[in-house]
PDB file of all heavy atoms in Angstrom:
ATOM      1  N   ASN A   1       0.762  -1.228  -0.004  1.00  0.00           N
ATOM      2  CA  ASN A   1       0.064  -0.003   0.074  1.00  0.00           C
ATOM      3  C   ASN A   1       0.894   1.300  -0.071  1.00  0.00           C
ATOM      4  O   ASN A   1       0.470   2.283   0.510  1.00  0.00           O
ATOM      5  CB  ASN A   1      -0.981   0.055   1.229  1.00  0.00           C
ATOM      6  CG  ASN A   1      -1.890  -0.991   1.132  1.00  0.00           C
ATOM      7  OD1 ASN A   1      -2.133  -1.759   0.149  1.00  0.00           O
ATOM      8  ND2 ASN A   1      -2.560  -1.371   2.272  1.00  0.00           N
ATOM      9  N   LYS A   2       2.038   1.291  -0.446  1.00  0.00           N
ATOM     10  CA  LYS A   2       2.870   2.335  -0.433  1.00  0.00           C
ATOM     11  C   LYS A   2       3.377   2.927  -1.739  1.00  0.00           C
ATOM     12  O   LYS A   2       4.001   3.884  -1.802  1.00  0.00           O
ATOM     13  CB  LYS A   2       4.195   2.053   0.437  1.00  0.00           C
ATOM     14  CG  LYS A   2       3.979   1.676   1.792  1.00  0.00           C
ATOM     15  CD  LYS A   2       5.164   1.297   2.497  1.00  0.00           C
ATOM     16  CE  LYS A   2       4.866   0.809   3.892  1.00  0.00           C
ATOM     17  NZ  LYS A   2       5.947   0.109   4.550  1.00  0.00           N
ATOM     18  N   CYS A   3       2.838   2.411  -2.825  1.00  0.00           N
ATOM     19  CA  CYS A   3       3.291   2.888  -4.189  1.00  0.00           C
ATOM     20  C   CYS A   3       2.184   3.891  -4.776  1.00  0.00           C
ATOM     21  O   CYS A   3       1.141   3.929  -4.265  1.00  0.00           O
ATOM     22  CB  CYS A   3       3.490   1.745  -5.141  1.00  0.00           C
ATOM     23  SG  CYS A   3       1.868   0.875  -5.735  1.00  0.00           S
ATOM     24  N   SER A   4       2.651   4.458  -5.905  1.00  0.00           N
ATOM     25  CA  SER A   4       1.674   5.494  -6.413  1.00  0.00           C
ATOM     26  C   SER A   4       0.597   4.908  -7.253  1.00  0.00           C
ATOM     27  O   SER A   4      -0.469   5.536  -7.601  1.00  0.00           O
ATOM     28  CB  SER A   4       2.496   6.333  -7.438  1.00  0.00           C
ATOM     29  OG  SER A   4       3.035   5.589  -8.418  1.00  0.00           O
ATOM     30  N   LYS A   5       0.532   3.631  -7.324  1.00  0.00           N
ATOM     31  CA  LYS A   5      -0.587   2.972  -8.103  1.00  0.00           C
ATOM     32  C   LYS A   5      -1.572   2.277  -7.130  1.00  0.00           C
ATOM     33  O   LYS A   5      -2.396   1.556  -7.557  1.00  0.00           O
ATOM     34  CB  LYS A   5       0.048   1.865  -8.975  1.00  0.00           C
ATOM     35  CG  LYS A   5       0.959   2.205 -10.074  1.00  0.00           C
ATOM     36  CD  LYS A   5       0.100   3.081 -11.059  1.00  0.00           C
ATOM     37  CE  LYS A   5       1.052   3.453 -12.187  1.00  0.00           C
ATOM     38  NZ  LYS A   5       0.417   4.307 -13.143  1.00  0.00           N
ATOM     39  N   TYR A   6      -1.457   2.569  -5.898  1.00  0.00           N
ATOM     40  CA  TYR A   6      -2.417   2.060  -4.838  1.00  0.00           C
ATOM     41  C   TYR A   6      -3.888   2.218  -5.374  1.00  0.00           C
ATOM     42  O   TYR A   6      -4.237   3.319  -5.732  1.00  0.00           O
ATOM     43  CB  TYR A   6      -2.264   2.645  -3.517  1.00  0.00           C
ATOM     44  CG  TYR A   6      -3.276   2.288  -2.399  1.00  0.00           C
ATOM     45  CD1 TYR A   6      -3.196   1.114  -1.771  1.00  0.00           C
ATOM     46  CD2 TYR A   6      -4.277   3.172  -2.172  1.00  0.00           C
ATOM     47  CE1 TYR A   6      -4.032   0.759  -0.876  1.00  0.00           C
ATOM     48  CE2 TYR A   6      -5.192   2.760  -1.237  1.00  0.00           C
ATOM     49  CZ  TYR A   6      -5.017   1.595  -0.570  1.00  0.00           C
ATOM     50  OH  TYR A   6      -6.027   1.277   0.397  1.00  0.00           O
ATOM     51  N   LEU A   7      -4.652   1.190  -5.235  1.00  0.00           N
ATOM     52  CA  LEU A   7      -5.956   1.262  -5.480  1.00  0.00           C
ATOM     53  C   LEU A   7      -6.761   0.208  -4.511  1.00  0.00           C
ATOM     54  O   LEU A   7      -6.623  -0.934  -4.564  1.00  0.00           O
ATOM     55  CB  LEU A   7      -6.387   0.709  -6.927  1.00  0.00           C
ATOM     56  CG  LEU A   7      -7.804   0.722  -7.364  1.00  0.00           C
ATOM     57  CD1 LEU A   7      -8.366   2.123  -7.209  1.00  0.00           C
ATOM     58  CD2 LEU A   7      -7.894   0.274  -8.798  1.00  0.00           C
ATOM     59  N   SER A   8      -7.507   0.771  -3.610  1.00  0.00           N
ATOM     60  CA  SER A   8      -8.117   0.122  -2.559  1.00  0.00           C
ATOM     61  C   SER A   8      -9.307  -0.770  -3.186  1.00  0.00           C
ATOM     62  O   SER A   8     -10.069  -0.266  -3.817  1.00  0.00           O
ATOM     63  CB  SER A   8      -8.781   1.130  -1.497  1.00  0.00           C
ATOM     64  OG  SER A   8      -9.599   0.272  -0.514  1.00  0.00           O
ATOM     65  N   THR A   9      -9.296  -2.064  -2.604  1.00  0.00           N
ATOM     66  CA  THR A   9     -10.413  -2.826  -3.201  1.00  0.00           C
ATOM     67  C   THR A   9     -11.691  -2.585  -2.362  1.00  0.00           C
ATOM     68  O   THR A   9     -12.841  -2.877  -2.769  1.00  0.00           O
ATOM     69  CB  THR A   9     -10.177  -4.372  -2.765  1.00  0.00           C
ATOM     70  OG1 THR A   9      -9.829  -4.548  -1.363  1.00  0.00           O
ATOM     71  CG2 THR A   9      -8.911  -4.939  -3.609  1.00  0.00           C
ATOM     72  N   ASN A  10     -11.636  -1.632  -1.490  1.00  0.00           N
ATOM     73  CA  ASN A  10     -12.815  -1.059  -0.717  1.00  0.00           C
ATOM     74  C   ASN A  10     -13.422   0.103  -1.517  1.00  0.00           C
ATOM     75  O   ASN A  10     -14.470   0.519  -1.181  1.00  0.00           O
ATOM     76  CB  ASN A  10     -12.494  -0.695   0.650  1.00  0.00           C
ATOM     77  CG  ASN A  10     -12.132  -1.930   1.408  1.00  0.00           C
ATOM     78  OD1 ASN A  10     -12.622  -3.038   1.449  1.00  0.00           O
ATOM     79  ND2 ASN A  10     -11.084  -1.722   2.331  1.00  0.00           N
ATOM     80  N   SER A  11     -12.646   0.714  -2.518  1.00  0.00           N
ATOM     81  CA  SER A  11     -13.307   1.759  -3.200  1.00  0.00           C
ATOM     82  C   SER A  11     -14.178   1.187  -4.342  1.00  0.00           C
ATOM     83  O   SER A  11     -14.071   0.056  -4.667  1.00  0.00           O
ATOM     84  CB  SER A  11     -12.116   2.538  -3.929  1.00  0.00           C
ATOM     85  OG  SER A  11     -11.466   1.806  -4.957  1.00  0.00           O
ATOM     86  N   ASP A  12     -15.009   2.051  -4.849  1.00  0.00           N
ATOM     87  CA  ASP A  12     -15.958   1.525  -5.980  1.00  0.00           C
ATOM     88  C   ASP A  12     -15.159   1.020  -7.181  1.00  0.00           C
ATOM     89  O   ASP A  12     -15.428  -0.109  -7.717  1.00  0.00           O
ATOM     90  CB  ASP A  12     -16.890   2.701  -6.475  1.00  0.00           C
ATOM     91  CG  ASP A  12     -17.997   3.088  -5.419  1.00  0.00           C
ATOM     92  OD1 ASP A  12     -18.182   2.265  -4.487  1.00  0.00           O
ATOM     93  OD2 ASP A  12     -18.440   4.108  -5.507  1.00  0.00           O
ATOM     94  N   GLU A  13     -14.190   1.720  -7.600  1.00  0.00           N
ATOM     95  CA  GLU A  13     -13.343   1.258  -8.774  1.00  0.00           C
ATOM     96  C   GLU A  13     -12.538  -0.033  -8.482  1.00  0.00           C
ATOM     97  O   GLU A  13     -12.628  -0.958  -9.206  1.00  0.00           O
ATOM     98  CB  GLU A  13     -12.401   2.474  -9.179  1.00  0.00           C
ATOM     99  CG  GLU A  13     -11.509   2.033 -10.278  1.00  0.00           C
ATOM    100  CD  GLU A  13     -10.473   3.075 -10.698  1.00  0.00           C
ATOM    101  OE1 GLU A  13     -10.228   4.008  -9.852  1.00  0.00           O
ATOM    102  OE2 GLU A  13      -9.883   2.867 -11.666  1.00  0.00           O
ATOM    103  N   GLY A  14     -11.984  -0.013  -7.175  1.00  0.00           N
ATOM    104  CA  GLY A  14     -11.267  -1.175  -6.840  1.00  0.00           C
ATOM    105  C   GLY A  14     -12.188  -2.360  -6.719  1.00  0.00           C
ATOM    106  O   GLY A  14     -11.764  -3.506  -7.136  1.00  0.00           O
ATOM    107  N   PHE A  15     -13.296  -2.268  -6.137  1.00  0.00           N
ATOM    108  CA  PHE A  15     -14.270  -3.424  -6.094  1.00  0.00           C
ATOM    109  C   PHE A  15     -14.749  -4.088  -7.336  1.00  0.00           C
ATOM    110  O   PHE A  15     -14.706  -5.032  -7.593  1.00  0.00           O
ATOM    111  CB  PHE A  15     -15.516  -2.975  -5.116  1.00  0.00           C
ATOM    112  CG  PHE A  15     -16.503  -3.952  -4.984  1.00  0.00           C
ATOM    113  CD1 PHE A  15     -16.334  -4.981  -3.915  1.00  0.00           C
ATOM    114  CD2 PHE A  15     -17.619  -3.997  -5.771  1.00  0.00           C
ATOM    115  CE1 PHE A  15     -17.167  -5.963  -3.729  1.00  0.00           C
ATOM    116  CE2 PHE A  15     -18.584  -5.105  -5.531  1.00  0.00           C
ATOM    117  CZ  PHE A  15     -18.396  -5.993  -4.552  1.00  0.00           C
ATOM    118  N   GLU A  16     -15.095  -2.975  -8.349  1.00  0.00           N
ATOM    119  CA  GLU A  16     -15.469  -3.397  -9.630  1.00  0.00           C
ATOM    120  C   GLU A  16     -14.226  -4.190 -10.272  1.00  0.00           C
ATOM    121  O   GLU A  16     -14.489  -5.173 -11.054  1.00  0.00           O
ATOM    122  CB  GLU A  16     -15.909  -2.179 -10.423  1.00  0.00           C
ATOM    123  CG  GLU A  16     -17.218  -1.750 -10.012  1.00  0.00           C
ATOM    124  CD  GLU A  16     -17.783  -0.428 -10.760  1.00  0.00           C
ATOM    125  OE1 GLU A  16     -17.125  -0.142 -11.929  1.00  0.00           O
ATOM    126  OE2 GLU A  16     -18.604   0.333 -10.294  1.00  0.00           O
ATOM    127  N   LEU A  17     -13.107  -3.663 -10.103  1.00  0.00           N
ATOM    128  CA  LEU A  17     -12.086  -4.327 -10.873  1.00  0.00           C
ATOM    129  C   LEU A  17     -11.636  -5.697 -10.272  1.00  0.00           C
ATOM    130  O   LEU A  17     -11.254  -6.680 -10.942  1.00  0.00           O
ATOM    131  CB  LEU A  17     -10.687  -3.415 -10.857  1.00  0.00           C
ATOM    132  CG  LEU A  17     -10.687  -2.257 -11.812  1.00  0.00           C
ATOM    133  CD1 LEU A  17      -9.540  -1.373 -11.618  1.00  0.00           C
ATOM    134  CD2 LEU A  17     -10.811  -2.739 -13.264  1.00  0.00           C
ATOM    135  N   MET A  18     -11.927  -5.746  -8.983  1.00  0.00           N
ATOM    136  CA  MET A  18     -11.670  -7.045  -8.300  1.00  0.00           C
ATOM    137  C   MET A  18     -12.687  -7.992  -8.713  1.00  0.00           C
ATOM    138  O   MET A  18     -12.426  -9.225  -8.970  1.00  0.00           O
ATOM    139  CB  MET A  18     -11.782  -6.785  -6.761  1.00  0.00           C
ATOM    140  CG  MET A  18     -11.294  -8.025  -5.937  1.00  0.00           C
ATOM    141  SD  MET A  18      -9.611  -8.259  -6.120  1.00  0.00           S
ATOM    142  CE  MET A  18      -9.378  -9.840  -5.491  1.00  0.00           C
ATOM    143  N   GLN A  19     -13.967  -7.648  -8.849  1.00  0.00           N
ATOM    144  CA  GLN A  19     -15.034  -8.513  -9.465  1.00  0.00           C
ATOM    145  C   GLN A  19     -14.584  -8.956 -10.898  1.00  0.00           C
ATOM    146  O   GLN A  19     -14.839 -10.106 -11.207  1.00  0.00           O
ATOM    147  CB  GLN A  19     -16.392  -7.864  -9.464  1.00  0.00           C
ATOM    148  CG  GLN A  19     -16.929  -7.814  -8.016  1.00  0.00           C
ATOM    149  CD  GLN A  19     -18.426  -7.122  -8.148  1.00  0.00           C
ATOM    150  OE1 GLN A  19     -18.639  -6.121  -8.731  1.00  0.00           O
ATOM    151  NE2 GLN A  19     -19.331  -7.785  -7.385  1.00  0.00           N
ATOM    152  N   LEU A  20     -14.219  -8.035 -11.712  1.00  0.00           N
ATOM    153  CA  LEU A  20     -13.706  -8.361 -13.134  1.00  0.00           C
ATOM    154  C   LEU A  20     -12.582  -9.413 -12.992  1.00  0.00           C
ATOM    155  O   LEU A  20     -12.619 -10.252 -13.900  1.00  0.00           O
ATOM    156  CB  LEU A  20     -13.485  -7.088 -13.813  1.00  0.00           C
ATOM    157  CG  LEU A  20     -13.058  -7.269 -15.330  1.00  0.00           C
ATOM    158  CD1 LEU A  20     -14.072  -7.917 -16.192  1.00  0.00           C
ATOM    159  CD2 LEU A  20     -12.548  -5.924 -15.779  1.00  0.00           C
ATOM    160  N   TRP A  21     -11.658  -9.089 -12.195  1.00  0.00           N
ATOM    161  CA  TRP A  21     -10.543 -10.150 -12.038  1.00  0.00           C
ATOM    162  C   TRP A  21     -11.016 -11.494 -11.800  1.00  0.00           C
ATOM    163  O   TRP A  21     -10.617 -12.394 -12.347  1.00  0.00           O
ATOM    164  CB  TRP A  21      -9.506  -9.530 -11.022  1.00  0.00           C
ATOM    165  CG  TRP A  21      -8.531 -10.587 -10.738  1.00  0.00           C
ATOM    166  CD1 TRP A  21      -8.369 -11.404  -9.548  1.00  0.00           C
ATOM    167  CD2 TRP A  21      -7.388 -10.836 -11.491  1.00  0.00           C
ATOM    168  NE1 TRP A  21      -7.308 -12.019  -9.677  1.00  0.00           N
ATOM    169  CE2 TRP A  21      -6.675 -11.829 -10.772  1.00  0.00           C
ATOM    170  CE3 TRP A  21      -6.885 -10.401 -12.713  1.00  0.00           C
ATOM    171  CZ2 TRP A  21      -5.438 -12.422 -11.319  1.00  0.00           C
ATOM    172  CZ3 TRP A  21      -5.738 -10.979 -13.187  1.00  0.00           C
ATOM    173  CH2 TRP A  21      -5.081 -11.994 -12.480  1.00  0.00           C
ATOM    174  N   GLY A  22     -11.905 -11.629 -10.790  1.00  0.00           N
ATOM    175  CA  GLY A  22     -12.519 -12.821 -10.385  1.00  0.00           C
ATOM    176  C   GLY A  22     -13.167 -13.391 -11.493  1.00  0.00           C
ATOM    177  O   GLY A  22     -12.988 -14.767 -11.801  1.00  0.00           O
ATOM    178  N   TYR A  23     -13.893 -12.907 -12.361  1.00  0.00           N
ATOM    179  CA  TYR A  23     -14.597 -13.430 -13.536  1.00  0.00           C
ATOM    180  C   TYR A  23     -13.601 -13.848 -14.469  1.00  0.00           C
ATOM    181  O   TYR A  23     -13.805 -14.918 -15.068  1.00  0.00           O
ATOM    182  CB  TYR A  23     -15.476 -12.335 -14.135  1.00  0.00           C
ATOM    183  CG  TYR A  23     -15.994 -12.739 -15.419  1.00  0.00           C
ATOM    184  CD1 TYR A  23     -17.077 -13.631 -15.549  1.00  0.00           C
ATOM    185  CD2 TYR A  23     -15.525 -12.197 -16.633  1.00  0.00           C
ATOM    186  CE1 TYR A  23     -17.561 -13.964 -16.825  1.00  0.00           C
ATOM    187  CE2 TYR A  23     -15.988 -12.485 -17.878  1.00  0.00           C
ATOM    188  CZ  TYR A  23     -17.043 -13.525 -17.979  1.00  0.00           C
ATOM    189  OH  TYR A  23     -17.496 -13.784 -19.198  1.00  0.00           O
ATOM    190  N   LYS A  24     -12.646 -13.120 -14.814  1.00  0.00           N
ATOM    191  CA  LYS A  24     -11.564 -13.406 -15.784  1.00  0.00           C
ATOM    192  C   LYS A  24     -10.811 -14.675 -15.372  1.00  0.00           C
ATOM    193  O   LYS A  24     -10.505 -15.576 -16.161  1.00  0.00           O
ATOM    194  CB  LYS A  24     -10.629 -12.255 -16.196  1.00  0.00           C
ATOM    195  CG  LYS A  24     -11.333 -11.287 -17.000  1.00  0.00           C
ATOM    196  CD  LYS A  24     -10.305 -10.119 -17.288  1.00  0.00           C
ATOM    197  CE  LYS A  24     -11.092  -9.182 -18.252  1.00  0.00           C
ATOM    198  NZ  LYS A  24     -10.395  -9.047 -19.504  1.00  0.00           N
ATOM    199  N   VAL A  25     -10.499 -14.820 -14.095  1.00  0.00           N
ATOM    200  CA  VAL A  25      -9.827 -15.979 -13.529  1.00  0.00           C
ATOM    201  C   VAL A  25     -10.702 -17.247 -13.723  1.00  0.00           C
ATOM    202  O   VAL A  25     -10.150 -18.206 -14.193  1.00  0.00           O
ATOM    203  CB  VAL A  25      -9.261 -15.669 -12.087  1.00  0.00           C
ATOM    204  CG1 VAL A  25      -8.948 -16.989 -11.462  1.00  0.00           C
ATOM    205  CG2 VAL A  25      -8.243 -14.666 -11.974  1.00  0.00           C
ATOM    206  N   CYS A  26     -11.911 -17.192 -13.306  1.00  0.00           N
ATOM    207  CA  CYS A  26     -12.828 -18.275 -13.425  1.00  0.00           C
ATOM    208  C   CYS A  26     -12.929 -18.660 -14.955  1.00  0.00           C
ATOM    209  O   CYS A  26     -12.875 -19.850 -15.154  1.00  0.00           O
ATOM    210  CB  CYS A  26     -14.122 -17.963 -12.825  1.00  0.00           C
ATOM    211  SG  CYS A  26     -14.135 -17.906 -11.075  1.00  0.00           S
ATOM    212  N   LYS A  27     -13.122 -17.771 -15.800  1.00  0.00           N
ATOM    213  CA  LYS A  27     -13.147 -18.138 -17.196  1.00  0.00           C
ATOM    214  C   LYS A  27     -11.945 -18.634 -17.725  1.00  0.00           C
ATOM    215  O   LYS A  27     -12.041 -19.750 -18.452  1.00  0.00           O
ATOM    216  CB  LYS A  27     -13.462 -16.772 -17.961  1.00  0.00           C
ATOM    217  CG  LYS A  27     -13.934 -16.976 -19.522  1.00  0.00           C
ATOM    218  CD  LYS A  27     -14.220 -15.752 -20.171  1.00  0.00           C
ATOM    219  CE  LYS A  27     -14.623 -15.858 -21.576  1.00  0.00           C
ATOM    220  NZ  LYS A  27     -15.113 -14.723 -22.134  1.00  0.00           N
ATOM    221  N   ALA A  28     -10.763 -18.221 -17.344  1.00  0.00           N
ATOM    222  CA  ALA A  28      -9.570 -18.737 -17.815  1.00  0.00           C
ATOM    223  C   ALA A  28      -9.303 -20.131 -17.260  1.00  0.00           C
ATOM    224  O   ALA A  28      -8.691 -20.946 -17.957  1.00  0.00           O
ATOM    225  CB  ALA A  28      -8.393 -17.785 -17.399  1.00  0.00           C
ATOM    226  N   LEU A  29      -9.764 -20.389 -16.060  1.00  0.00           N
ATOM    227  CA  LEU A  29      -9.634 -21.714 -15.421  1.00  0.00           C
ATOM    228  C   LEU A  29     -10.584 -22.822 -15.907  1.00  0.00           C
ATOM    229  O   LEU A  29     -10.447 -23.970 -15.640  1.00  0.00           O
ATOM    230  CB  LEU A  29      -9.608 -21.712 -13.909  1.00  0.00           C
ATOM    231  CG  LEU A  29      -8.401 -20.900 -13.336  1.00  0.00           C
ATOM    232  CD1 LEU A  29      -8.536 -20.770 -11.867  1.00  0.00           C
ATOM    233  CD2 LEU A  29      -7.138 -21.655 -13.502  1.00  0.00           C
ATOM    234  N   GLU A  30     -11.613 -22.408 -16.583  1.00  0.00           N
ATOM    235  CA  GLU A  30     -12.723 -23.446 -16.971  1.00  0.00           C
ATOM    236  C   GLU A  30     -12.149 -24.539 -17.663  1.00  0.00           C
ATOM    237  O   GLU A  30     -12.535 -25.729 -17.350  1.00  0.00           O
ATOM    238  CB  GLU A  30     -13.821 -22.648 -17.784  1.00  0.00           C
ATOM    239  CG  GLU A  30     -14.966 -23.407 -18.230  1.00  0.00           C
ATOM    240  CD  GLU A  30     -15.726 -24.021 -17.037  1.00  0.00           C
ATOM    241  OE1 GLU A  30     -15.704 -23.447 -15.857  1.00  0.00           O
ATOM    242  OE2 GLU A  30     -16.490 -25.053 -17.090  1.00  0.00           O
ATOM    243  N   PRO A  31     -11.378 -24.339 -18.765  1.00  0.00           N
ATOM    244  CA  PRO A  31     -10.795 -25.601 -19.490  1.00  0.00           C
ATOM    245  C   PRO A  31      -9.963 -26.523 -18.613  1.00  0.00           C
ATOM    246  O   PRO A  31     -10.081 -27.772 -18.751  1.00  0.00           O
ATOM    247  CB  PRO A  31      -9.987 -24.898 -20.595  1.00  0.00           C
ATOM    248  CG  PRO A  31     -10.482 -23.516 -20.722  1.00  0.00           C
ATOM    249  CD  PRO A  31     -10.890 -23.131 -19.397  1.00  0.00           C
ATOM    250  N   LEU A  32      -9.242 -25.866 -17.710  1.00  0.00           N
ATOM    251  CA  LEU A  32      -8.430 -26.665 -16.800  1.00  0.00           C
ATOM    252  C   LEU A  32      -9.360 -27.499 -15.726  1.00  0.00           C
ATOM    253  O   LEU A  32      -9.086 -28.630 -15.588  1.00  0.00           O
ATOM    254  CB  LEU A  32      -7.464 -25.672 -16.059  1.00  0.00           C
ATOM    255  CG  LEU A  32      -6.493 -26.400 -15.072  1.00  0.00           C
ATOM    256  CD1 LEU A  32      -5.539 -27.412 -15.778  1.00  0.00           C
ATOM    257  CD2 LEU A  32      -5.660 -25.337 -14.368  1.00  0.00           C
ATOM    258  N   ARG A  33     -10.412 -26.816 -15.328  1.00  0.00           N
ATOM    259  CA  ARG A  33     -11.165 -27.452 -14.430  1.00  0.00           C
ATOM    260  C   ARG A  33     -11.823 -28.747 -15.036  1.00  0.00           C
ATOM    261  O   ARG A  33     -11.956 -29.752 -14.540  1.00  0.00           O
ATOM    262  CB  ARG A  33     -12.377 -26.571 -13.942  1.00  0.00           C
ATOM    263  CG  ARG A  33     -12.059 -25.567 -12.840  1.00  0.00           C
ATOM    264  CD  ARG A  33     -13.171 -24.734 -12.297  1.00  0.00           C
ATOM    265  NE  ARG A  33     -14.182 -24.537 -13.245  1.00  0.00           N
ATOM    266  CZ  ARG A  33     -15.491 -25.041 -13.154  1.00  0.00           C
ATOM    267  NH1 ARG A  33     -15.804 -25.917 -12.302  1.00  0.00           N
ATOM    268  NH2 ARG A  33     -16.448 -24.772 -14.021  1.00  0.00           N
ATOM    269  N   LYS A  34     -12.328 -28.550 -16.346  1.00  0.00           N
ATOM    270  CA  LYS A  34     -12.992 -29.594 -16.996  1.00  0.00           C
ATOM    271  C   LYS A  34     -11.951 -30.732 -17.372  1.00  0.00           C
ATOM    272  O   LYS A  34     -12.325 -31.857 -17.194  1.00  0.00           O
ATOM    273  CB  LYS A  34     -13.520 -29.091 -18.351  1.00  0.00           C
ATOM    274  CG  LYS A  34     -14.757 -28.302 -18.180  1.00  0.00           C
ATOM    275  CD  LYS A  34     -15.417 -27.772 -19.465  1.00  0.00           C
ATOM    276  CE  LYS A  34     -16.665 -26.908 -19.301  1.00  0.00           C
ATOM    277  NZ  LYS A  34     -17.161 -26.406 -20.633  1.00  0.00           N
ATOM    278  N   GLU A  35     -10.781 -30.406 -17.834  1.00  0.00           N
ATOM    279  CA  GLU A  35      -9.652 -31.326 -18.040  1.00  0.00           C
ATOM    280  C   GLU A  35      -9.295 -32.226 -16.790  1.00  0.00           C
ATOM    281  O   GLU A  35      -9.359 -33.421 -16.709  1.00  0.00           O
ATOM    282  CB  GLU A  35      -8.575 -30.632 -18.482  1.00  0.00           C
ATOM    283  CG  GLU A  35      -7.315 -31.659 -18.812  1.00  0.00           C
ATOM    284  CD  GLU A  35      -6.047 -30.916 -19.261  1.00  0.00           C
ATOM    285  OE1 GLU A  35      -6.211 -29.836 -19.847  1.00  0.00           O
ATOM    286  OE2 GLU A  35      -4.986 -31.464 -18.989  1.00  0.00           O
ATOM    287  N   PHE A  36      -9.223 -31.416 -15.615  1.00  0.00           N
ATOM    288  CA  PHE A  36      -8.949 -32.097 -14.430  1.00  0.00           C
ATOM    289  C   PHE A  36     -10.087 -32.996 -13.905  1.00  0.00           C
ATOM    290  O   PHE A  36      -9.734 -34.184 -13.493  1.00  0.00           O
ATOM    291  CB  PHE A  36      -8.657 -31.056 -13.237  1.00  0.00           C
ATOM    292  CG  PHE A  36      -8.229 -31.603 -11.898  1.00  0.00           C
ATOM    293  CD1 PHE A  36      -7.026 -31.952 -11.778  1.00  0.00           C
ATOM    294  CD2 PHE A  36      -9.136 -31.811 -10.952  1.00  0.00           C
ATOM    295  CE1 PHE A  36      -6.524 -32.495 -10.417  1.00  0.00           C
ATOM    296  CE2 PHE A  36      -8.706 -32.394  -9.767  1.00  0.00           C
ATOM    297  CZ  PHE A  36      -7.312 -32.647  -9.554  1.00  0.00           C
ATOM    298  N   ALA A  37     -11.246 -32.657 -14.011  1.00  0.00           N
ATOM    299  CA  ALA A  37     -12.397 -33.519 -13.731  1.00  0.00           C
ATOM    300  C   ALA A  37     -12.432 -34.790 -14.538  1.00  0.00           C
ATOM    301  O   ALA A  37     -12.625 -35.834 -14.073  1.00  0.00           O
ATOM    302  CB  ALA A  37     -13.717 -32.637 -13.910  1.00  0.00           C
TER     303      ALA A  37
END
């Protein structure tokens, strides 16, 4: 939390980006989940 790019996940922008990150991670992992299963 000490750099100039700090973006709190508690802010509206940070929260929205965190949700988008989660969506993209789940989407990227989908083929791996299916293959593993």
